[in-house]
C-alpha cells in the first residue's frame, strides 16, 4: 500500500467514525425528589436516563462528571462509571489530568481514574504546559506553593508565597514580601523583580505596583518600566491591548500606554476577535448597578448604543447577547442573526457540537442548527393520577424573576395556590423601575409520600453593590387531600416539649460530630418553636439561616433527626404524621 493510499484510508476511516459519533448533552427533569440530570441525543431523546443530581458536559476525552448521593464520579458515553462517585468535587480534565477533592484534600487522577499523587494537598490547580500549581502548609505553618508534573510528582518545590499558571514556558511566583520572579518549567529563575506586587504576565508585559498605596503600571520582561504607574486596576495584554481602570472607570490601552478607548465606562469586557463590550451604568450615581453594554472594536468604534444586558465572547464571528426581553445571536457588527434562535428570557446561546445550547432564565434548552427547538425542561410534574405540579414563571422586571408552582387537582386549590404564590415571592413589582436588588426564585418537589407533598422554595436576593447576596430557603408541607399546610409543632404531641428535646439532640450532634466543627462557638442556643424544617425519608431535618450559628459560606446548617430517636414525642394520631404514614 502506498503512503498516499494509507493516508486516504485513514482519513476515510476517520470520517466514517465521525459520522457514527453520537453526541450526548446534559438535560434535567423535575420530578418528585427534586431535579435529576441525564443525557439526551441530538433528537432530544434520553440516552442516559436522568438519574444524576448534577451532570456536566462530556469533555473531549469522552468523559463526563456527574454527582450521585452528593458524591462526584466520572462516566463514559455508555454511562459506565470510570470513577465511582466518591469525591466531594472533581474538576474538568486538563492535559489528561483532573483534580479531585475528598476529605483528605486535593489529589490528581488520570483518565482511567487512577490517583497519581502520592499524598493529598491543600490545593492543586489545573495543568498548564505540563505543570499544576500545588500548595500545602509546611512544618512552620507557612502556606507555600510549588508545581506538580503530569506524573503527580513535585517537580518545583513548594517554596513560594504565591504562584501562577505557566504560559509560554514561564510563570510568575512570589518569593517573599516585595520579591517576585519569572521562572521556567524547571523552576530556574529567569528574572527577579523587587516590587510589592507583580501580576498579569502575558505578551512580554507584566503589571506591577511599588506599594499597596500606589498605582499600577507595566514593565517588560527585563524589568524595564514601559508604562508609568497610573492605574487602579490592570489586566493582561491580549493582542497588544490591555483593559485598565482609572479611578472608577475602565478603558483600553496599547503597549505604549496610549488610550485606544478612553476610561469612561463602568465595565469593559474583551469579547475576543477584536470586539469589546463597553458597559455604562443606567444610573451614574450608582455605578454598581448592572451595566448596559454597547459593542465596539479595538479602535473604539461603536456598532450599537448601550442596549445589551449581557454579551458572550465571539467565536467564528458570532456572539450571544440579551436585552430586557430576549436572548439571541449577533454578528460582528452587532446585528441580530435572523435565522438563528431568538428566545424569550435572559441568558446565553452557544453552538454545542451538533446543537445550539441555551441557558435561559435558569433553564436549559436545545435547538438544532436551523433553530428548531429539540428539547426543554418539563413544566408539569405528575404527582399521581389526579394531581400535578405546574411550573409558572413570574418576571415582571428584568431584575426580578420567580419560578413558582401551582397544584392542579386538589381540594381548596385556589386557596392553596395563592399561598404558594405568596411563599414564592409573587407580589406587585414595578415593570420598568430600576430595582435596588435582584431576586431569583425557584422550587423543587423535595418529598412525596401518601398524601404529603413537600415543596422546597429557594431564592437569592442580591442588593446591588453588596459583597454578596442572601440565599433564601423555605419548605411548604401540604396535605394533598385537605390542602392543609403543616408547621413543625403539628408533628408532635400537644403536651410534649419538642423544642427542648430537639434542642438537646442537635446540641449533642454539634458537640460530638466533626462535620459540625464549623459552627460558631457558643452561638447555638437551641431551636425556636417555628424552626425551619423539612420531612424526608431519613427523618425530620431542621436548619438555620446563614450567619445564625455558622459562617455565610456554610449555607444553611442542617441537622437530621431520625423519627425513631423522637418516637416518644411524635403525635402519631395527628393529621401531619398520618399524611405520610
Protein backbone atom coordinates (compact mmCIF):
# COMPACT_ATOMS: atom_id res chain seq x y z
CA UNK A 1 0.00 0.00 0.00
CA UNK A 2 1.38 3.42 -0.93
CA UNK A 3 1.71 6.19 1.62
CA UNK A 4 -0.96 8.21 -0.22
CA UNK A 5 -3.45 5.28 -0.15
CA UNK A 6 -2.68 4.65 3.52
CA UNK A 7 -3.38 8.28 4.37
CA UNK A 8 -6.58 8.29 2.32
CA UNK A 9 -7.85 5.14 4.03
CA UNK A 10 -7.06 6.60 7.45
CA UNK A 11 -8.87 9.79 6.53
CA UNK A 12 -11.93 7.88 5.25
CA UNK A 13 -11.94 5.78 8.42
CA UNK A 14 -11.86 8.96 10.49
CA UNK A 15 -14.79 10.45 8.56
CA UNK A 16 -16.76 7.19 8.91
CA UNK A 17 -16.20 7.13 12.67
CA UNK A 18 -17.14 10.79 12.86
CA UNK A 19 -20.41 10.13 11.05
CA UNK A 20 -21.22 7.37 13.54
CA UNK A 21 -20.39 9.52 16.55
CA UNK A 22 -23.29 10.10 18.92
CA UNK A 23 -23.11 13.37 20.82
CA UNK A 24 -24.71 13.49 24.25
CA UNK A 25 -25.99 16.60 26.02
CA UNK A 26 -26.84 17.10 29.73
CA UNK A 27 -30.55 17.70 30.38
CA UNK A 28 -32.60 17.93 33.55
CA UNK A 29 -36.06 16.72 34.53
CA UNK A 30 -38.03 18.00 37.50
CA UNK A 31 -39.82 15.30 39.49
CA UNK A 32 -40.70 14.25 43.00
CA UNK A 33 -37.48 14.18 44.96
CA UNK A 34 -36.05 17.19 43.10
CA UNK A 35 -34.38 17.68 39.75
CA UNK A 36 -32.42 14.89 38.09
CA UNK A 37 -29.97 15.07 35.21
CA UNK A 38 -29.32 12.69 32.35
CA UNK A 39 -28.07 12.91 28.77
CA UNK A 40 -30.07 13.32 25.56
CA UNK A 41 -29.03 12.79 21.94
CA UNK A 42 -29.37 15.41 19.22
CA UNK A 43 -33.02 14.40 18.71
CA UNK A 44 -33.87 15.24 22.32
CA UNK A 45 -34.24 11.60 23.42
CA UNK A 46 -32.70 10.45 26.68
CA UNK A 47 -29.85 8.01 26.03
CA UNK A 48 -28.62 8.03 29.63
CA UNK A 49 -31.66 8.32 31.95
CA UNK A 50 -31.98 11.26 34.37
CA UNK A 51 -30.51 9.56 37.44
CA UNK A 52 -27.84 12.10 38.42
CA UNK A 53 -28.04 15.03 40.83
CA UNK A 54 -25.81 17.04 38.52
CA UNK A 55 -24.33 16.25 35.12
CA UNK A 56 -21.71 18.24 33.26
CA UNK A 57 -20.85 18.29 29.55
CA UNK A 58 -18.91 15.42 28.01
CA UNK A 59 -15.33 16.55 27.51
CA UNK A 60 -13.10 15.93 24.50
CA UNK A 61 -11.81 12.72 26.11
CA UNK A 62 -15.36 11.28 26.09
CA UNK A 63 -15.82 11.55 29.86
CA UNK A 64 -18.36 13.49 31.93
CA UNK A 65 -18.50 14.44 35.60
CA UNK A 66 -21.73 13.53 37.45
CA UNK A 67 -22.99 13.54 41.02
CA UNK A 68 -24.89 10.79 42.86
CA UNK A 69 -25.84 10.90 46.55
CA UNK A 70 -23.86 14.15 46.97
CA UNK A 71 -20.69 12.45 45.73
CA UNK A 72 -18.97 13.02 42.39
CA UNK A 73 -17.78 10.48 39.83
CA UNK A 74 -16.94 10.18 36.13
CA UNK A 75 -18.84 8.27 33.43
CA UNK A 76 -18.16 7.42 29.78
CA UNK A 77 -20.70 7.82 26.99
CA UNK A 78 -22.19 4.39 27.78
CA UNK A 79 -22.98 5.56 31.33
CA UNK A 80 -20.32 3.27 32.80
CA UNK A 81 -18.54 4.71 35.84
CA UNK A 82 -14.85 5.18 35.07
CA UNK A 83 -14.60 6.73 38.55
CA UNK A 84 -17.28 5.72 41.03
CA UNK A 85 -18.98 8.56 42.94
CA UNK A 86 -16.66 9.00 45.92
CA UNK A 87 -15.24 12.53 45.70
CA UNK A 88 -16.65 15.79 47.01
CA UNK A 89 -15.58 17.56 43.82
CA UNK A 90 -13.93 16.69 40.51
CA UNK A 91 -12.61 19.46 38.27
CA UNK A 92 -12.59 19.24 34.48
CA UNK A 93 -9.74 17.41 32.79
CA UNK A 94 -6.78 19.43 31.53
CA UNK A 95 -3.90 17.77 29.71
CA UNK A 96 -5.26 14.32 30.62
CA UNK A 97 -5.41 15.05 34.34
CA UNK A 98 -8.18 16.12 36.74
CA UNK A 99 -8.06 17.49 40.27
CA UNK A 100 -10.28 15.71 42.78
CA UNK A 101 -11.17 16.67 46.35
CA UNK A 102 -12.16 14.37 49.21
CA UNK A 103 -11.96 14.56 53.00
CA UNK A 104 -8.18 14.20 52.79
CA UNK A 105 -7.70 17.14 50.43
CA UNK A 106 -6.72 17.72 46.78
CA UNK A 107 -5.38 14.89 44.58
CA UNK A 108 -4.83 14.28 40.86
CA UNK A 109 -6.28 11.42 38.79
CA UNK A 110 -5.59 10.31 35.22
CA UNK A 111 -8.21 9.45 32.60
CA UNK A 112 -8.77 5.93 33.94
CA UNK A 113 -9.39 7.29 37.44
CA UNK A 114 -6.07 6.30 38.97
CA UNK A 115 -4.78 8.65 41.68
CA UNK A 116 -1.29 9.68 40.60
CA UNK A 117 -0.36 11.94 43.51
CA UNK A 118 1.34 10.24 46.43
CA UNK A 119 -0.50 12.29 49.05
CA UNK A 120 -3.25 14.89 49.41
CA UNK A 121 -2.54 18.62 49.28
CA UNK A 122 -4.32 21.77 50.44
CA UNK A 123 -4.70 22.95 46.85
CA UNK A 124 -4.00 21.75 43.30
CA UNK A 125 -4.83 23.77 40.18
CA UNK A 126 -5.38 22.72 36.57
CA UNK A 127 -2.50 21.53 34.41
CA UNK A 128 -0.96 24.09 32.07
CA UNK A 129 2.05 23.16 29.94
CA UNK A 130 2.68 20.01 31.97
CA UNK A 131 2.62 21.79 35.34
CA UNK A 132 -0.05 22.25 38.01
CA UNK A 133 0.16 24.74 40.87
CA UNK A 134 0.14 22.90 44.22
CA UNK A 135 0.07 24.24 47.78
CA UNK A 136 0.44 22.92 51.31
CA UNK A 137 1.26 24.10 54.81
CA UNK A 138 4.81 23.28 55.91
CA UNK A 139 6.05 22.35 59.39
CA UNK A 140 6.31 26.03 60.31
CA UNK A 141 2.67 26.71 59.47
CA UNK A 142 3.55 28.57 56.25
CA UNK A 143 1.24 28.13 53.26
CA UNK A 144 3.58 27.64 50.29
CA UNK A 145 3.18 26.94 46.57
CA UNK A 146 5.08 24.82 44.06
CA UNK A 147 4.37 22.73 40.95
CA UNK A 148 3.49 19.13 40.08
CA UNK A 149 4.40 17.40 36.82
CA UNK A 150 1.97 15.16 34.91
CA UNK A 151 3.14 12.14 36.92
CA UNK A 152 1.85 13.82 40.08
CA UNK A 153 5.32 14.40 41.48
CA UNK A 154 6.68 17.64 42.91
CA UNK A 155 8.90 19.00 40.13
CA UNK A 156 9.33 22.53 41.54
CA UNK A 157 9.47 22.58 45.37
CA UNK A 158 6.79 24.23 47.50
CA UNK A 159 8.75 27.37 48.37
CA UNK A 160 6.72 30.29 47.01
CA UNK A 161 4.20 32.52 48.74
CA UNK A 162 2.18 32.75 45.50
CA UNK A 163 2.37 31.01 42.11
CA UNK A 164 0.62 31.39 38.76
CA UNK A 165 -0.05 29.04 35.85
CA UNK A 166 2.63 28.60 33.21
CA UNK A 167 2.25 30.36 29.88
CA UNK A 168 4.80 30.09 27.08
CA UNK A 169 7.11 28.20 29.45
CA UNK A 170 7.17 30.95 32.11
CA UNK A 171 5.22 31.64 35.33
CA UNK A 172 5.18 34.42 37.94
CA UNK A 173 5.94 33.43 41.54
CA UNK A 174 6.20 35.42 44.75
CA UNK A 175 9.46 34.58 46.52
CA UNK A 176 8.78 36.66 49.61
CA UNK A 177 7.27 40.01 50.55
CA UNK A 178 8.39 42.55 47.98
CA UNK A 179 10.13 40.00 45.76
CA UNK A 180 8.75 38.28 42.64
CA UNK A 181 10.32 36.27 39.84
CA UNK A 182 9.66 34.71 36.47
CA UNK A 183 10.62 31.02 36.49
CA UNK A 184 10.88 28.44 33.72
CA UNK A 185 9.44 24.91 33.71
CA UNK A 186 12.37 23.61 35.78
CA UNK A 187 11.99 26.29 38.45
CA UNK A 188 15.02 28.25 37.28
CA UNK A 189 14.69 31.99 37.88
CA UNK A 190 14.60 33.85 34.57
CA UNK A 191 14.24 37.32 36.08
CA UNK A 192 13.66 38.80 39.55
CA UNK A 193 11.61 41.89 40.45
CA UNK A 194 11.57 43.86 43.69
CA UNK A 195 8.05 45.26 43.93
CA UNK A 196 5.16 44.89 46.35
CA UNK A 197 3.04 43.26 43.63
CA UNK A 198 3.72 41.80 40.17
CA UNK A 199 0.95 40.26 38.06
CA UNK A 200 -0.67 39.70 34.66
CA UNK A 201 2.28 38.32 32.68
CA UNK A 202 1.41 37.99 29.01
CA UNK A 203 2.93 39.04 25.69
CA UNK A 204 6.16 40.05 27.42
CA UNK A 205 4.44 42.58 29.72
CA UNK A 206 3.85 42.49 33.48
CA UNK A 207 1.83 44.82 35.65
CA UNK A 208 3.48 45.99 38.87
CA UNK A 209 2.86 48.12 41.93
CA UNK A 210 5.61 49.55 44.11
CA UNK A 211 3.49 49.51 47.28
CA UNK A 212 -0.10 48.85 48.32
CA UNK A 213 -0.79 52.59 48.41
CA UNK A 214 0.47 53.29 44.88
CA UNK A 215 -0.97 52.83 41.40
CA UNK A 216 -0.28 50.06 38.90
CA UNK A 217 1.98 50.32 35.86
CA UNK A 218 3.56 47.95 33.33
CA UNK A 219 7.12 46.75 32.73
CA UNK A 220 8.62 44.44 30.17
CA UNK A 221 10.09 41.03 30.92
CA UNK A 222 13.54 42.53 31.62
CA UNK A 223 12.08 44.72 34.36
CA UNK A 224 12.23 47.96 32.38
CA UNK A 225 9.29 50.26 33.12
CA UNK A 226 7.25 50.73 29.93
CA UNK A 227 4.08 52.43 31.24
CA UNK A 228 4.23 54.68 34.31
CA UNK A 229 2.07 53.66 37.32
CA UNK A 230 -1.30 55.39 36.92
CA UNK A 231 -4.00 52.72 37.09
CA UNK A 232 -6.20 51.48 39.96
CA UNK A 233 -6.58 48.07 38.24
CA UNK A 234 -4.85 46.29 35.34
CA UNK A 235 -5.44 43.22 33.19
CA UNK A 236 -3.18 41.18 30.92
CA UNK A 237 -2.23 42.33 27.44
CA UNK A 238 -4.08 40.43 24.72
CA UNK A 239 -3.13 41.08 21.10
CA UNK A 240 -1.25 44.20 22.16
CA UNK A 241 -4.04 45.76 24.22
CA UNK A 242 -4.96 45.73 27.91
CA UNK A 243 -8.03 46.75 29.89
CA UNK A 244 -7.20 49.14 32.74
CA UNK A 245 -9.11 51.05 35.38
CA UNK A 246 -8.56 54.71 36.23
CA UNK A 247 -10.30 55.65 39.48
CA UNK A 248 -13.78 54.12 38.87
CA UNK A 249 -13.79 53.82 35.08
CA UNK A 250 -12.37 51.34 32.58
CA UNK A 251 -10.51 51.96 29.33
CA UNK A 252 -8.27 50.19 26.80
CA UNK A 253 -4.57 50.94 26.24
CA UNK A 254 -1.88 49.84 23.79
CA UNK A 255 1.65 48.74 24.77
CA UNK A 256 2.86 52.35 24.90
CA UNK A 257 0.15 53.24 27.43
CA UNK A 258 -1.88 55.27 24.95
CA UNK A 259 -5.65 55.08 25.44
CA UNK A 260 -7.44 53.48 22.48
CA UNK A 261 -10.73 53.55 24.39
CA UNK A 262 -10.83 56.32 26.96
CA UNK A 263 -11.52 55.37 30.62
CA UNK A 264 -15.15 56.42 30.92
CA UNK A 265 -17.01 53.12 31.23
CA UNK A 266 -18.28 51.32 34.33
CA UNK A 267 -17.32 47.99 32.75
CA UNK A 268 -15.18 46.85 29.81
CA UNK A 269 -15.05 43.25 28.58
CA UNK A 270 -12.79 41.64 25.98
CA UNK A 271 -15.08 39.59 23.72
CA UNK A 272 -12.22 38.22 21.55
CA UNK A 273 -11.97 38.59 17.77
CA UNK A 274 -11.27 42.33 18.08
CA UNK A 275 -14.54 43.13 19.84
CA UNK A 276 -15.21 44.69 23.23
CA UNK A 277 -18.31 45.28 25.35
CA UNK A 278 -18.42 48.78 26.81
CA UNK A 279 -20.55 48.95 29.95
CA UNK A 280 -22.42 52.01 31.17
CA UNK A 281 -24.37 52.10 34.43
CA UNK A 282 -28.05 53.10 34.00
CA UNK A 283 -27.58 55.49 36.95
CA UNK A 284 -24.30 57.42 37.07
CA UNK A 285 -24.76 57.97 40.82
CA UNK A 286 -24.96 54.19 41.28
CA UNK A 287 -22.05 52.73 39.27
CA UNK A 288 -22.52 49.34 40.98
CA UNK A 289 -25.79 48.66 39.12
CA UNK A 290 -25.71 46.07 36.36
CA UNK A 291 -24.50 47.98 33.28
CA UNK A 292 -25.94 48.20 29.78
CA UNK A 293 -23.44 47.22 27.08
CA UNK A 294 -22.53 48.53 23.66
CA UNK A 295 -20.30 46.66 21.18
CA UNK A 296 -17.12 48.27 19.88
CA UNK A 297 -13.94 47.24 18.08
CA UNK A 298 -10.44 47.78 19.45
CA UNK A 299 -10.28 51.25 17.89
CA UNK A 300 -13.27 52.30 19.94
CA UNK A 301 -15.73 52.39 17.02
CA UNK A 302 -19.23 51.73 18.37
CA UNK A 303 -21.56 49.40 16.50
CA UNK A 304 -24.57 49.86 18.80
CA UNK A 305 -25.92 52.01 21.57
CA UNK A 306 -25.97 50.73 25.16
CA UNK A 307 -28.71 48.18 24.57
CA UNK A 308 -27.49 44.81 25.91
CA UNK A 309 -27.64 43.45 29.45
CA UNK A 310 -25.03 40.82 28.65
CA UNK A 311 -22.84 39.61 25.77
CA UNK A 312 -20.77 36.41 25.40
CA UNK A 313 -17.37 36.12 23.75
CA UNK A 314 -17.22 35.92 19.96
CA UNK A 315 -16.40 32.68 18.21
CA UNK A 316 -16.20 32.43 14.43
CA UNK A 317 -17.78 35.88 14.13
CA UNK A 318 -20.83 35.09 16.27
CA UNK A 319 -21.71 36.04 19.89
CA UNK A 320 -24.75 35.65 22.12
CA UNK A 321 -26.43 38.73 23.62
CA UNK A 322 -29.52 39.53 25.66
CA UNK A 323 -31.61 42.58 26.49
CA UNK A 324 -34.54 43.05 28.87
CA UNK A 325 -36.72 40.62 26.90
CA UNK A 326 -34.78 38.25 24.63
CA UNK A 327 -31.56 36.29 24.10
CA UNK A 328 -30.23 35.93 20.54
CA UNK A 329 -27.14 35.70 18.33
CA UNK A 330 -25.38 38.76 16.91
CA UNK A 331 -22.72 39.18 14.22
CA UNK A 332 -19.55 41.26 14.48
CA UNK A 333 -21.48 44.41 13.57
CA UNK A 334 -23.84 43.66 16.47
CA UNK A 335 -26.75 42.85 14.17
CA UNK A 336 -29.08 40.04 15.21
CA UNK A 337 -28.67 36.91 13.08
CA UNK A 338 -32.24 36.37 11.96
CA UNK A 339 -32.09 32.67 11.03
CA UNK A 340 -30.77 31.63 14.46
CA UNK A 341 -32.91 31.25 17.62
CA UNK A 342 -34.35 34.25 19.47
CA UNK A 343 -35.52 33.15 22.91
CA UNK A 344 -37.68 34.95 25.45
CA UNK A 345 -35.65 35.46 28.65
CA UNK A 346 -32.10 36.29 29.71
CA UNK A 347 -29.02 34.09 29.41
CA UNK A 348 -26.78 32.71 26.69
CA UNK A 349 -26.86 30.68 23.50
CA UNK A 350 -23.89 28.73 22.16
CA UNK A 351 -23.10 26.25 19.42
CA UNK A 352 -22.55 22.90 21.13
CA UNK A 353 -21.37 20.13 18.80
CA UNK A 354 -24.42 19.35 16.63
CA UNK A 355 -26.91 21.50 18.60
CA UNK A 356 -27.37 25.02 19.96
CA UNK A 357 -27.33 25.10 23.73
CA UNK A 358 -29.41 27.68 25.55
CA UNK A 359 -29.17 28.57 29.26
CA UNK A 360 -32.11 30.93 29.62
CA UNK A 361 -33.60 32.14 32.92
CA UNK A 362 -32.05 29.16 34.78
CA UNK A 363 -33.46 26.63 32.32
CA UNK A 364 -31.67 24.52 29.69
CA UNK A 365 -32.89 24.47 26.08
CA UNK A 366 -31.53 22.80 22.95
CA UNK A 367 -32.15 23.78 19.32
CA UNK A 368 -30.95 22.23 16.11
CA UNK A 369 -28.74 24.28 13.77
CA UNK A 370 -31.85 25.55 11.95
CA UNK A 371 -33.29 26.97 15.16
CA UNK A 372 -35.93 24.31 15.78
CA UNK A 373 -36.49 23.50 19.47
CA UNK A 374 -35.24 19.99 20.22
CA UNK A 375 -35.62 19.81 23.99
CA UNK A 376 -36.63 21.84 27.02
CA UNK A 377 -37.16 21.01 30.68
CA UNK A 378 -40.61 19.78 31.69
CA UNK A 379 -43.04 22.25 33.25
CA UNK A 380 -45.51 19.63 34.51
CA UNK A 381 -44.66 17.16 37.29
CA UNK A 382 -47.25 14.38 37.67
CA UNK A 383 -47.70 13.56 41.37
CA UNK A 384 -50.31 10.82 40.92
CA UNK A 385 -53.16 10.02 38.55
CA UNK A 386 -55.18 13.05 39.71
CA UNK A 387 -52.70 15.68 40.89
CA UNK A 388 -49.96 17.57 39.05
CA UNK A 389 -47.50 20.32 39.82
CA UNK A 390 -47.48 23.04 37.16
CA UNK A 391 -44.44 25.31 36.82
CA UNK A 392 -45.10 29.01 36.21
CA UNK A 393 -42.71 31.91 35.65
CA UNK A 394 -43.26 35.38 37.12
CA UNK A 395 -40.95 38.00 35.61
CA UNK A 396 -42.38 41.50 35.93
CA UNK A 397 -38.96 43.19 35.89
CA UNK A 398 -35.55 42.38 34.40
CA UNK A 399 -34.12 42.12 37.93
CA UNK A 400 -36.90 40.01 39.44
CA UNK A 401 -37.98 36.58 38.34
CA UNK A 402 -39.51 33.66 40.16
CA UNK A 403 -40.43 30.13 39.17
CA UNK A 404 -43.39 29.09 41.29
CA UNK A 405 -45.64 26.06 41.32
CA UNK A 406 -49.39 25.68 41.17
CA UNK A 407 -51.15 22.48 42.10
CA UNK A 408 -53.84 21.01 39.89
CA UNK A 409 -56.44 18.51 41.07
CA UNK A 410 -56.53 19.09 44.87
CA UNK A 411 -59.12 20.31 47.34
CA UNK A 412 -59.07 24.04 48.15
CA UNK A 413 -56.96 24.51 45.05
CA UNK A 414 -57.42 28.29 44.76
CA UNK A 415 -56.51 28.92 48.41
CA UNK A 416 -53.50 26.57 48.33
CA UNK A 417 -52.15 28.04 45.11
CA UNK A 418 -52.44 31.60 46.40
CA UNK A 419 -50.48 30.59 49.50
CA UNK A 420 -47.78 29.02 47.28
CA UNK A 421 -47.55 32.19 45.19
CA UNK A 422 -47.14 34.28 48.33
CA UNK A 423 -44.43 31.98 49.73
CA UNK A 424 -42.58 32.04 46.40
CA UNK A 425 -42.42 35.83 46.21
CA UNK A 426 -45.12 36.53 43.61
CA UNK A 427 -46.11 40.09 44.51
CA UNK A 428 -46.59 43.51 42.89
CA UNK A 429 -43.29 44.56 41.28
CA UNK A 430 -42.92 47.70 39.12
CA UNK A 431 -42.23 46.78 35.50
CA UNK A 432 -39.75 49.42 34.35
CA UNK A 433 -38.38 50.76 37.65
CA UNK A 434 -34.69 50.20 38.42
CA UNK A 435 -34.70 47.85 41.42
CA UNK A 436 -32.34 48.20 44.40
CA UNK A 437 -31.62 44.48 44.29
CA UNK A 438 -32.06 41.47 42.06
CA UNK A 439 -34.08 38.44 43.10
CA UNK A 440 -34.24 34.96 41.58
CA UNK A 441 -36.56 32.27 42.93
CA UNK A 442 -37.13 28.61 42.12
CA UNK A 443 -38.60 25.44 43.63
CA UNK A 444 -38.22 21.66 43.87
CA UNK A 445 -40.65 18.93 44.86
CA UNK A 446 -38.38 17.51 47.54
CA UNK A 447 -40.64 14.79 49.02
CA UNK A 448 -43.88 12.98 48.24
CA UNK A 449 -45.40 10.13 50.19
CA UNK A 450 -49.03 9.09 50.60
CA UNK A 451 -50.82 12.46 50.98
CA UNK A 452 -47.87 14.66 51.94
CA UNK A 453 -46.14 16.87 49.39
CA UNK A 454 -43.06 18.86 50.47
CA UNK A 455 -42.04 21.82 48.33
CA UNK A 456 -38.59 23.39 48.70
CA UNK A 457 -38.79 27.10 47.82
CA UNK A 458 -35.42 28.72 47.25
CA UNK A 459 -34.20 32.13 46.22
CA UNK A 460 -31.29 34.53 46.11
CA UNK A 461 -31.60 38.22 46.93
CA UNK A 462 -28.67 40.39 45.87
CA UNK A 463 -28.67 44.07 46.93
CA UNK A 464 -26.74 45.94 44.23
CA UNK A 465 -23.29 46.96 45.43
CA UNK A 466 -23.20 44.41 48.27
CA UNK A 467 -20.33 41.96 48.75
CA UNK A 468 -22.79 39.10 48.30
CA UNK A 469 -26.48 38.37 48.39
CA UNK A 470 -28.54 36.30 50.78
CA UNK A 471 -29.86 32.84 49.90
CA UNK A 472 -33.43 32.12 50.90
CA UNK A 473 -34.95 28.73 51.69
CA UNK A 474 -38.44 27.72 52.80
CA UNK A 475 -40.38 24.47 52.85
CA UNK A 476 -44.10 24.02 52.42
CA UNK A 477 -45.65 20.79 53.77
CA UNK A 478 -49.03 20.29 52.09
CA UNK A 479 -51.73 17.67 52.67
CA UNK A 480 -52.94 16.84 49.17
CA UNK A 481 -56.34 15.68 50.46
CA UNK A 482 -57.22 18.61 52.69
CA UNK A 483 -54.99 21.37 51.36
CA UNK A 484 -53.68 22.00 54.87
CA UNK A 485 -50.18 23.45 55.38
CA UNK A 486 -48.33 21.88 58.32
CA UNK A 487 -45.95 23.54 60.78
CA UNK A 488 -43.26 21.90 62.93
CA UNK A 489 -45.47 21.87 66.03
CA UNK A 490 -48.08 19.76 64.19
CA UNK A 491 -45.67 16.80 64.19
CA UNK A 492 -45.59 16.41 67.99
CA UNK A 493 -47.86 15.58 70.89
CA UNK A 494 -49.53 18.77 72.14
CA UNK A 495 -48.09 18.37 75.65
CA UNK A 496 -44.59 17.39 74.52
CA UNK A 497 -41.77 19.89 74.96
CA UNK A 498 -40.41 19.22 71.49
CA UNK A 499 -38.32 22.40 71.49
CA UNK A 500 -36.31 21.18 74.49
CA UNK A 501 -35.96 17.59 73.25
CA UNK A 502 -34.82 18.53 69.75
CA UNK A 503 -32.58 21.33 71.01
CA UNK A 504 -30.72 18.84 73.19
CA UNK A 505 -30.35 16.33 70.34
CA UNK A 506 -28.93 18.96 67.99
CA UNK A 507 -26.65 20.21 70.77
CA UNK A 508 -25.20 16.71 71.11
CA UNK A 509 -24.70 16.44 67.34
CA UNK A 510 -22.76 19.71 67.31
CA UNK A 511 -20.68 18.58 70.28
CA UNK A 512 -19.84 15.09 69.05
CA UNK A 513 -19.87 15.17 65.23
CA UNK A 514 -16.81 16.60 63.46
CA UNK A 515 -18.88 17.59 60.43
CA UNK A 516 -20.26 20.46 62.53
CA UNK A 517 -16.86 21.84 63.50
CA UNK A 518 -17.67 24.99 61.51
CA UNK A 519 -20.40 26.07 63.98
CA UNK A 520 -19.52 29.33 65.76
CA UNK A 521 -18.57 28.64 69.42
CA UNK A 522 -21.31 29.44 71.93
CA UNK A 523 -23.79 30.61 69.30
CA UNK A 524 -26.15 27.65 69.34
CA UNK A 525 -28.88 28.29 71.92
CA UNK A 526 -31.44 25.73 70.78
CA UNK A 527 -34.25 25.80 68.23
CA UNK A 528 -37.32 28.03 68.03
CA UNK A 529 -40.87 26.62 68.10
CA UNK A 530 -41.18 27.67 64.44
CA UNK A 531 -37.71 26.43 63.40
CA UNK A 532 -37.42 25.92 59.61
CA UNK A 533 -37.63 22.21 58.77
CA UNK A 534 -38.47 19.63 56.14
CA UNK A 535 -39.55 16.00 56.18
CA UNK A 536 -37.54 13.38 54.29
CA UNK A 537 -37.26 9.59 54.29
CA UNK A 538 -34.45 9.90 56.84
CA UNK A 539 -36.48 11.83 59.42
CA UNK A 540 -37.15 15.45 60.29
CA UNK A 541 -34.49 17.91 59.18
CA UNK A 542 -34.07 21.24 60.95
CA UNK A 543 -31.95 24.05 59.55
CA UNK A 544 -30.65 27.51 60.43
CA UNK A 545 -30.29 30.63 58.32
CA UNK A 546 -26.84 31.82 57.16
CA UNK A 547 -24.99 33.63 59.96
CA UNK A 548 -27.36 32.29 62.67
CA UNK A 549 -24.84 29.84 64.09
CA UNK A 550 -22.20 29.49 61.34
CA UNK A 551 -20.32 31.45 58.65
CA UNK A 552 -22.09 32.56 55.48
CA UNK A 553 -20.10 30.01 53.47
CA UNK A 554 -21.70 27.18 55.47
CA UNK A 555 -25.07 27.95 53.90
CA UNK A 556 -27.98 26.50 55.88
CA UNK A 557 -26.59 24.26 58.66
CA UNK A 558 -28.94 21.27 58.68
CA UNK A 559 -29.46 18.60 61.33
CA UNK A 560 -31.27 15.32 60.64
CA UNK A 561 -33.12 13.58 63.47
CA UNK A 562 -34.38 10.06 62.71
CA UNK A 563 -38.02 9.52 63.67
CA UNK A 564 -37.12 6.61 65.95
CA UNK A 565 -34.98 8.96 68.04
CA UNK A 566 -38.01 11.16 68.85
CA UNK A 567 -40.64 8.42 68.72
CA UNK A 568 -41.95 9.19 72.23
CA UNK A 569 -43.00 12.76 71.38
CA UNK A 570 -44.42 12.21 67.88
CA UNK A 571 -48.18 12.70 67.51
CA UNK A 572 -48.87 9.53 65.56
CA UNK A 573 -52.62 10.15 65.66
CA UNK A 574 -52.25 13.65 64.28
CA UNK A 575 -53.07 14.67 60.71
CA UNK A 576 -49.46 15.59 59.89
CA UNK A 577 -47.97 12.21 60.82
CA UNK A 578 -50.82 10.28 59.24
CA UNK A 579 -50.45 12.23 55.99
CA UNK A 580 -47.24 10.33 55.20
CA UNK A 581 -47.54 7.20 57.42
